[in-house]
């Protein structure tokens, strides 16, 4: 399944109830699982983003449904990145004809 990185920042609502963030993460995991998305890792971070999650989803549309579902809850704003493993990149390079220049 494709891998995605979710970068999230607390909204004003989310930071006011920050002590509930781990419970919200469990609820997010359950909601995502219902759509066939697996939460591999979640980290609370310092710096530009408050939360970073690594998930696997069957496709882009499903991932969009998950992040939109997360967004409507109002606790975070997200940015989602499609992530590629080394083996994914090898397949991409093969499609390029080996990527030789």
N, C-alpha and C. Protein backbone atom coordinates (compact mmCIF):
# COMPACT_ATOMS: atom_id res chain seq x y z
N UNK A 1 0.85 -1.19 0.00
CA UNK A 1 0.00 0.00 0.00
C UNK A 1 0.88 1.24 0.00
N UNK A 2 0.43 2.30 -0.64
CA UNK A 2 1.18 3.55 -0.62
C UNK A 2 1.33 4.10 0.80
N UNK A 3 2.45 4.74 1.03
CA UNK A 3 2.75 5.36 2.33
C UNK A 3 2.57 6.86 2.22
N UNK A 4 2.03 7.45 3.28
CA UNK A 4 1.82 8.89 3.34
C UNK A 4 2.34 9.41 4.68
N UNK A 5 2.86 10.64 4.64
CA UNK A 5 3.29 11.34 5.86
C UNK A 5 2.28 12.45 6.09
N UNK A 6 1.70 12.49 7.26
CA UNK A 6 0.78 13.57 7.62
C UNK A 6 1.52 14.50 8.58
N UNK A 7 1.60 15.77 8.20
CA UNK A 7 2.17 16.81 9.04
C UNK A 7 1.01 17.63 9.57
N UNK A 8 0.92 17.79 10.88
CA UNK A 8 -0.24 18.47 11.45
C UNK A 8 0.17 19.54 12.45
N UNK A 9 -0.62 20.59 12.47
CA UNK A 9 -0.49 21.66 13.46
C UNK A 9 -1.81 21.80 14.19
N UNK A 10 -1.72 22.03 15.50
CA UNK A 10 -2.92 22.24 16.29
C UNK A 10 -3.60 23.54 15.87
N UNK A 11 -4.91 23.49 15.80
CA UNK A 11 -5.70 24.71 15.64
C UNK A 11 -5.86 25.34 17.02
N UNK A 12 -6.52 26.47 17.09
CA UNK A 12 -6.79 27.08 18.38
C UNK A 12 -7.62 26.13 19.25
N UNK A 13 -8.60 25.49 18.63
CA UNK A 13 -9.43 24.50 19.35
C UNK A 13 -8.56 23.34 19.84
N UNK A 14 -7.68 22.85 18.99
CA UNK A 14 -6.85 21.70 19.34
C UNK A 14 -5.88 21.97 20.46
N UNK A 15 -5.30 23.16 20.49
CA UNK A 15 -4.33 23.47 21.54
C UNK A 15 -5.04 23.71 22.87
N UNK A 16 -6.27 24.21 22.84
CA UNK A 16 -7.03 24.42 24.08
C UNK A 16 -7.33 23.10 24.78
N UNK A 17 -7.40 22.03 23.99
CA UNK A 17 -7.71 20.71 24.55
C UNK A 17 -6.55 19.74 24.28
N UNK A 18 -5.34 20.26 24.31
CA UNK A 18 -4.15 19.47 23.95
C UNK A 18 -3.97 18.24 24.84
N UNK A 19 -4.45 18.29 26.07
CA UNK A 19 -4.29 17.13 26.95
C UNK A 19 -5.11 15.93 26.48
N UNK A 20 -5.99 16.14 25.52
CA UNK A 20 -6.79 15.05 24.96
C UNK A 20 -6.19 14.51 23.66
N UNK A 21 -5.01 15.01 23.28
CA UNK A 21 -4.46 14.67 21.97
C UNK A 21 -4.17 13.18 21.79
N UNK A 22 -3.75 12.49 22.85
CA UNK A 22 -3.48 11.06 22.69
C UNK A 22 -4.77 10.27 22.52
N UNK A 23 -5.84 10.70 23.18
CA UNK A 23 -7.13 10.06 22.98
C UNK A 23 -7.65 10.33 21.57
N UNK A 24 -7.43 11.56 21.09
CA UNK A 24 -7.84 11.88 19.72
C UNK A 24 -7.07 11.05 18.71
N UNK A 25 -5.80 10.78 19.00
CA UNK A 25 -4.99 9.95 18.11
C UNK A 25 -5.58 8.54 18.01
N UNK A 26 -6.04 8.01 19.13
CA UNK A 26 -6.68 6.68 19.11
C UNK A 26 -7.96 6.71 18.28
N UNK A 27 -8.73 7.78 18.41
CA UNK A 27 -9.96 7.92 17.63
C UNK A 27 -9.63 8.05 16.15
N UNK A 28 -8.57 8.78 15.83
CA UNK A 28 -8.13 8.91 14.44
C UNK A 28 -7.73 7.55 13.88
N UNK A 29 -6.99 6.78 14.65
CA UNK A 29 -6.56 5.45 14.20
C UNK A 29 -7.77 4.57 13.90
N UNK A 30 -8.78 4.61 14.75
CA UNK A 30 -9.99 3.81 14.54
C UNK A 30 -10.74 4.27 13.30
N UNK A 31 -10.89 5.59 13.13
CA UNK A 31 -11.57 6.13 11.96
C UNK A 31 -10.84 5.75 10.68
N UNK A 32 -9.52 5.87 10.70
CA UNK A 32 -8.71 5.53 9.53
C UNK A 32 -8.83 4.03 9.20
N UNK A 33 -8.80 3.19 10.23
CA UNK A 33 -8.89 1.74 10.03
C UNK A 33 -10.20 1.36 9.35
N UNK A 34 -11.27 2.06 9.68
CA UNK A 34 -12.57 1.79 9.05
C UNK A 34 -12.51 2.00 7.54
N UNK A 35 -11.60 2.86 7.09
CA UNK A 35 -11.44 3.14 5.66
C UNK A 35 -10.31 2.34 5.03
N UNK A 36 -9.72 1.43 5.81
CA UNK A 36 -8.64 0.61 5.28
C UNK A 36 -7.27 1.25 5.34
N UNK A 37 -7.12 2.24 6.19
CA UNK A 37 -5.86 2.95 6.35
C UNK A 37 -5.20 2.51 7.65
N UNK A 38 -3.91 2.21 7.58
CA UNK A 38 -3.17 1.76 8.76
C UNK A 38 -2.26 2.87 9.26
N UNK A 39 -2.39 3.20 10.54
CA UNK A 39 -1.51 4.15 11.19
C UNK A 39 -0.27 3.39 11.65
N UNK A 40 0.87 3.67 11.02
CA UNK A 40 2.12 2.98 11.39
C UNK A 40 2.80 3.63 12.58
N UNK A 41 2.87 4.94 12.56
CA UNK A 41 3.55 5.69 13.63
C UNK A 41 2.87 7.04 13.79
N UNK A 42 2.91 7.54 15.01
CA UNK A 42 2.50 8.92 15.27
C UNK A 42 3.46 9.50 16.29
N UNK A 43 3.90 10.71 16.01
CA UNK A 43 4.85 11.40 16.89
C UNK A 43 4.35 12.81 17.16
N UNK A 44 4.49 13.25 18.39
CA UNK A 44 4.26 14.64 18.74
C UNK A 44 5.64 15.28 18.69
N UNK A 45 5.74 16.39 17.99
CA UNK A 45 7.06 16.94 17.67
C UNK A 45 7.19 18.39 18.11
N UNK A 46 8.45 18.81 18.19
CA UNK A 46 8.77 20.21 18.43
C UNK A 46 9.22 20.79 17.09
N UNK A 47 8.97 22.05 16.89
CA UNK A 47 9.39 22.67 15.65
C UNK A 47 8.19 23.12 14.84
N UNK A 48 8.33 23.06 13.53
CA UNK A 48 7.32 23.59 12.62
C UNK A 48 5.99 22.86 12.73
N UNK A 49 6.01 21.57 13.01
CA UNK A 49 4.78 20.78 13.09
C UNK A 49 4.61 20.23 14.50
N UNK A 50 3.36 20.10 14.91
CA UNK A 50 3.04 19.58 16.24
C UNK A 50 2.93 18.06 16.27
N UNK A 51 2.48 17.49 15.14
CA UNK A 51 2.28 16.04 15.06
C UNK A 51 2.72 15.56 13.68
N UNK A 52 3.38 14.40 13.64
CA UNK A 52 3.75 13.75 12.39
C UNK A 52 3.26 12.31 12.47
N UNK A 53 2.54 11.89 11.44
CA UNK A 53 2.04 10.52 11.39
C UNK A 53 2.47 9.87 10.09
N UNK A 54 2.75 8.58 10.17
CA UNK A 54 3.07 7.78 8.99
C UNK A 54 1.95 6.76 8.84
N UNK A 55 1.30 6.79 7.67
CA UNK A 55 0.17 5.91 7.44
C UNK A 55 0.31 5.22 6.09
N UNK A 56 -0.41 4.12 5.93
CA UNK A 56 -0.52 3.43 4.64
C UNK A 56 -1.99 3.43 4.25
N UNK A 57 -2.26 3.82 3.00
CA UNK A 57 -3.63 3.87 2.49
C UNK A 57 -3.69 3.19 1.14
N UNK A 58 -4.85 2.63 0.80
CA UNK A 58 -4.96 1.93 -0.47
C UNK A 58 -4.78 2.83 -1.69
N UNK A 59 -5.16 4.13 -1.57
CA UNK A 59 -5.06 5.02 -2.71
C UNK A 59 -5.20 6.47 -2.25
N UNK A 60 -4.99 7.39 -3.19
CA UNK A 60 -5.05 8.82 -2.88
C UNK A 60 -6.44 9.25 -2.42
N UNK A 61 -7.47 8.71 -3.03
CA UNK A 61 -8.83 9.10 -2.66
C UNK A 61 -9.14 8.72 -1.22
N UNK A 62 -8.73 7.53 -0.82
CA UNK A 62 -8.95 7.11 0.55
C UNK A 62 -8.17 7.99 1.51
N UNK A 63 -6.93 8.32 1.14
CA UNK A 63 -6.12 9.20 1.99
C UNK A 63 -6.77 10.57 2.12
N UNK A 64 -7.33 11.07 1.02
CA UNK A 64 -8.03 12.35 1.08
C UNK A 64 -9.22 12.28 2.02
N UNK A 65 -9.97 11.19 1.98
CA UNK A 65 -11.11 11.02 2.87
C UNK A 65 -10.67 11.03 4.33
N UNK A 66 -9.54 10.39 4.61
CA UNK A 66 -9.03 10.34 5.98
C UNK A 66 -8.60 11.72 6.46
N UNK A 67 -7.84 12.44 5.65
CA UNK A 67 -7.36 13.75 6.10
C UNK A 67 -8.49 14.77 6.16
N UNK A 68 -9.45 14.68 5.25
CA UNK A 68 -10.60 15.57 5.34
C UNK A 68 -11.44 15.24 6.58
N UNK A 69 -11.59 13.94 6.86
CA UNK A 69 -12.30 13.53 8.07
C UNK A 69 -11.61 14.03 9.33
N UNK A 70 -10.30 14.04 9.30
CA UNK A 70 -9.53 14.57 10.43
C UNK A 70 -9.73 16.08 10.54
N UNK A 71 -9.69 16.74 9.40
CA UNK A 71 -9.81 18.20 9.39
C UNK A 71 -11.15 18.71 9.90
N UNK A 72 -12.23 18.02 9.57
CA UNK A 72 -13.55 18.51 10.00
C UNK A 72 -13.74 18.40 11.51
N UNK A 73 -12.90 17.64 12.16
CA UNK A 73 -12.99 17.56 13.63
C UNK A 73 -12.49 18.85 14.29
N UNK A 74 -11.68 19.61 13.54
CA UNK A 74 -11.31 20.95 13.98
C UNK A 74 -10.12 21.09 14.90
N UNK A 75 -9.40 20.01 15.18
CA UNK A 75 -8.29 20.10 16.12
C UNK A 75 -6.93 20.31 15.48
N UNK A 76 -6.82 19.96 14.21
CA UNK A 76 -5.54 20.13 13.50
C UNK A 76 -5.80 20.56 12.06
N UNK A 77 -4.76 21.17 11.49
CA UNK A 77 -4.69 21.42 10.05
C UNK A 77 -3.56 20.54 9.54
N UNK A 78 -3.76 19.95 8.38
CA UNK A 78 -2.79 18.96 7.91
C UNK A 78 -2.18 19.34 6.57
N UNK A 79 -1.01 18.77 6.36
CA UNK A 79 -0.36 18.74 5.05
C UNK A 79 0.05 17.29 4.86
N UNK A 80 -0.27 16.72 3.72
CA UNK A 80 0.00 15.30 3.50
C UNK A 80 0.99 15.12 2.37
N UNK A 81 1.97 14.27 2.59
CA UNK A 81 3.00 13.98 1.60
C UNK A 81 2.92 12.52 1.20
N UNK A 82 3.05 12.23 -0.07
CA UNK A 82 3.17 10.84 -0.55
C UNK A 82 4.63 10.47 -0.37
N UNK A 83 4.88 9.35 0.27
CA UNK A 83 6.25 8.91 0.55
C UNK A 83 6.59 7.67 -0.27
N UNK A 84 7.84 7.59 -0.71
CA UNK A 84 8.30 6.47 -1.52
C UNK A 84 9.49 5.79 -0.84
N UNK A 85 9.44 4.48 -0.76
CA UNK A 85 10.56 3.70 -0.22
C UNK A 85 11.63 3.55 -1.30
N UNK A 86 12.77 2.98 -0.93
CA UNK A 86 13.84 2.73 -1.90
C UNK A 86 13.36 1.78 -2.99
N UNK A 87 12.58 0.77 -2.64
CA UNK A 87 12.08 -0.15 -3.66
C UNK A 87 11.07 0.54 -4.58
N UNK A 88 10.26 1.45 -4.01
CA UNK A 88 9.35 2.24 -4.85
C UNK A 88 10.14 3.06 -5.85
N UNK A 89 11.21 3.69 -5.39
CA UNK A 89 12.03 4.52 -6.27
C UNK A 89 12.69 3.69 -7.35
N UNK A 90 13.10 2.48 -7.02
CA UNK A 90 13.72 1.60 -8.03
C UNK A 90 12.72 1.31 -9.15
N UNK A 91 11.45 1.07 -8.79
CA UNK A 91 10.42 0.83 -9.80
C UNK A 91 10.20 2.09 -10.65
N UNK A 92 10.21 3.23 -10.02
CA UNK A 92 10.04 4.50 -10.75
C UNK A 92 11.20 4.69 -11.73
N UNK A 93 12.41 4.41 -11.27
CA UNK A 93 13.58 4.57 -12.15
C UNK A 93 13.53 3.60 -13.34
N UNK A 94 13.03 2.39 -13.09
CA UNK A 94 12.89 1.42 -14.20
C UNK A 94 11.92 1.95 -15.25
N UNK A 95 10.86 2.60 -14.80
CA UNK A 95 9.90 3.18 -15.73
C UNK A 95 10.52 4.31 -16.53
N UNK A 96 11.54 4.94 -15.96
CA UNK A 96 12.24 6.02 -16.66
C UNK A 96 13.25 5.46 -17.66
N UNK A 97 13.37 4.16 -17.72
CA UNK A 97 14.40 3.56 -18.57
C UNK A 97 15.73 3.50 -17.84
N UNK A 98 15.65 3.32 -16.52
CA UNK A 98 16.86 3.21 -15.71
C UNK A 98 17.34 4.53 -15.15
N UNK A 99 16.80 5.62 -15.64
CA UNK A 99 17.18 6.93 -15.11
C UNK A 99 18.57 7.36 -15.48
N UNK A 100 19.17 6.73 -16.47
CA UNK A 100 20.54 7.07 -16.87
C UNK A 100 20.52 8.32 -17.73
N UNK A 101 21.51 9.16 -17.49
CA UNK A 101 21.62 10.40 -18.28
C UNK A 101 22.96 10.46 -18.96
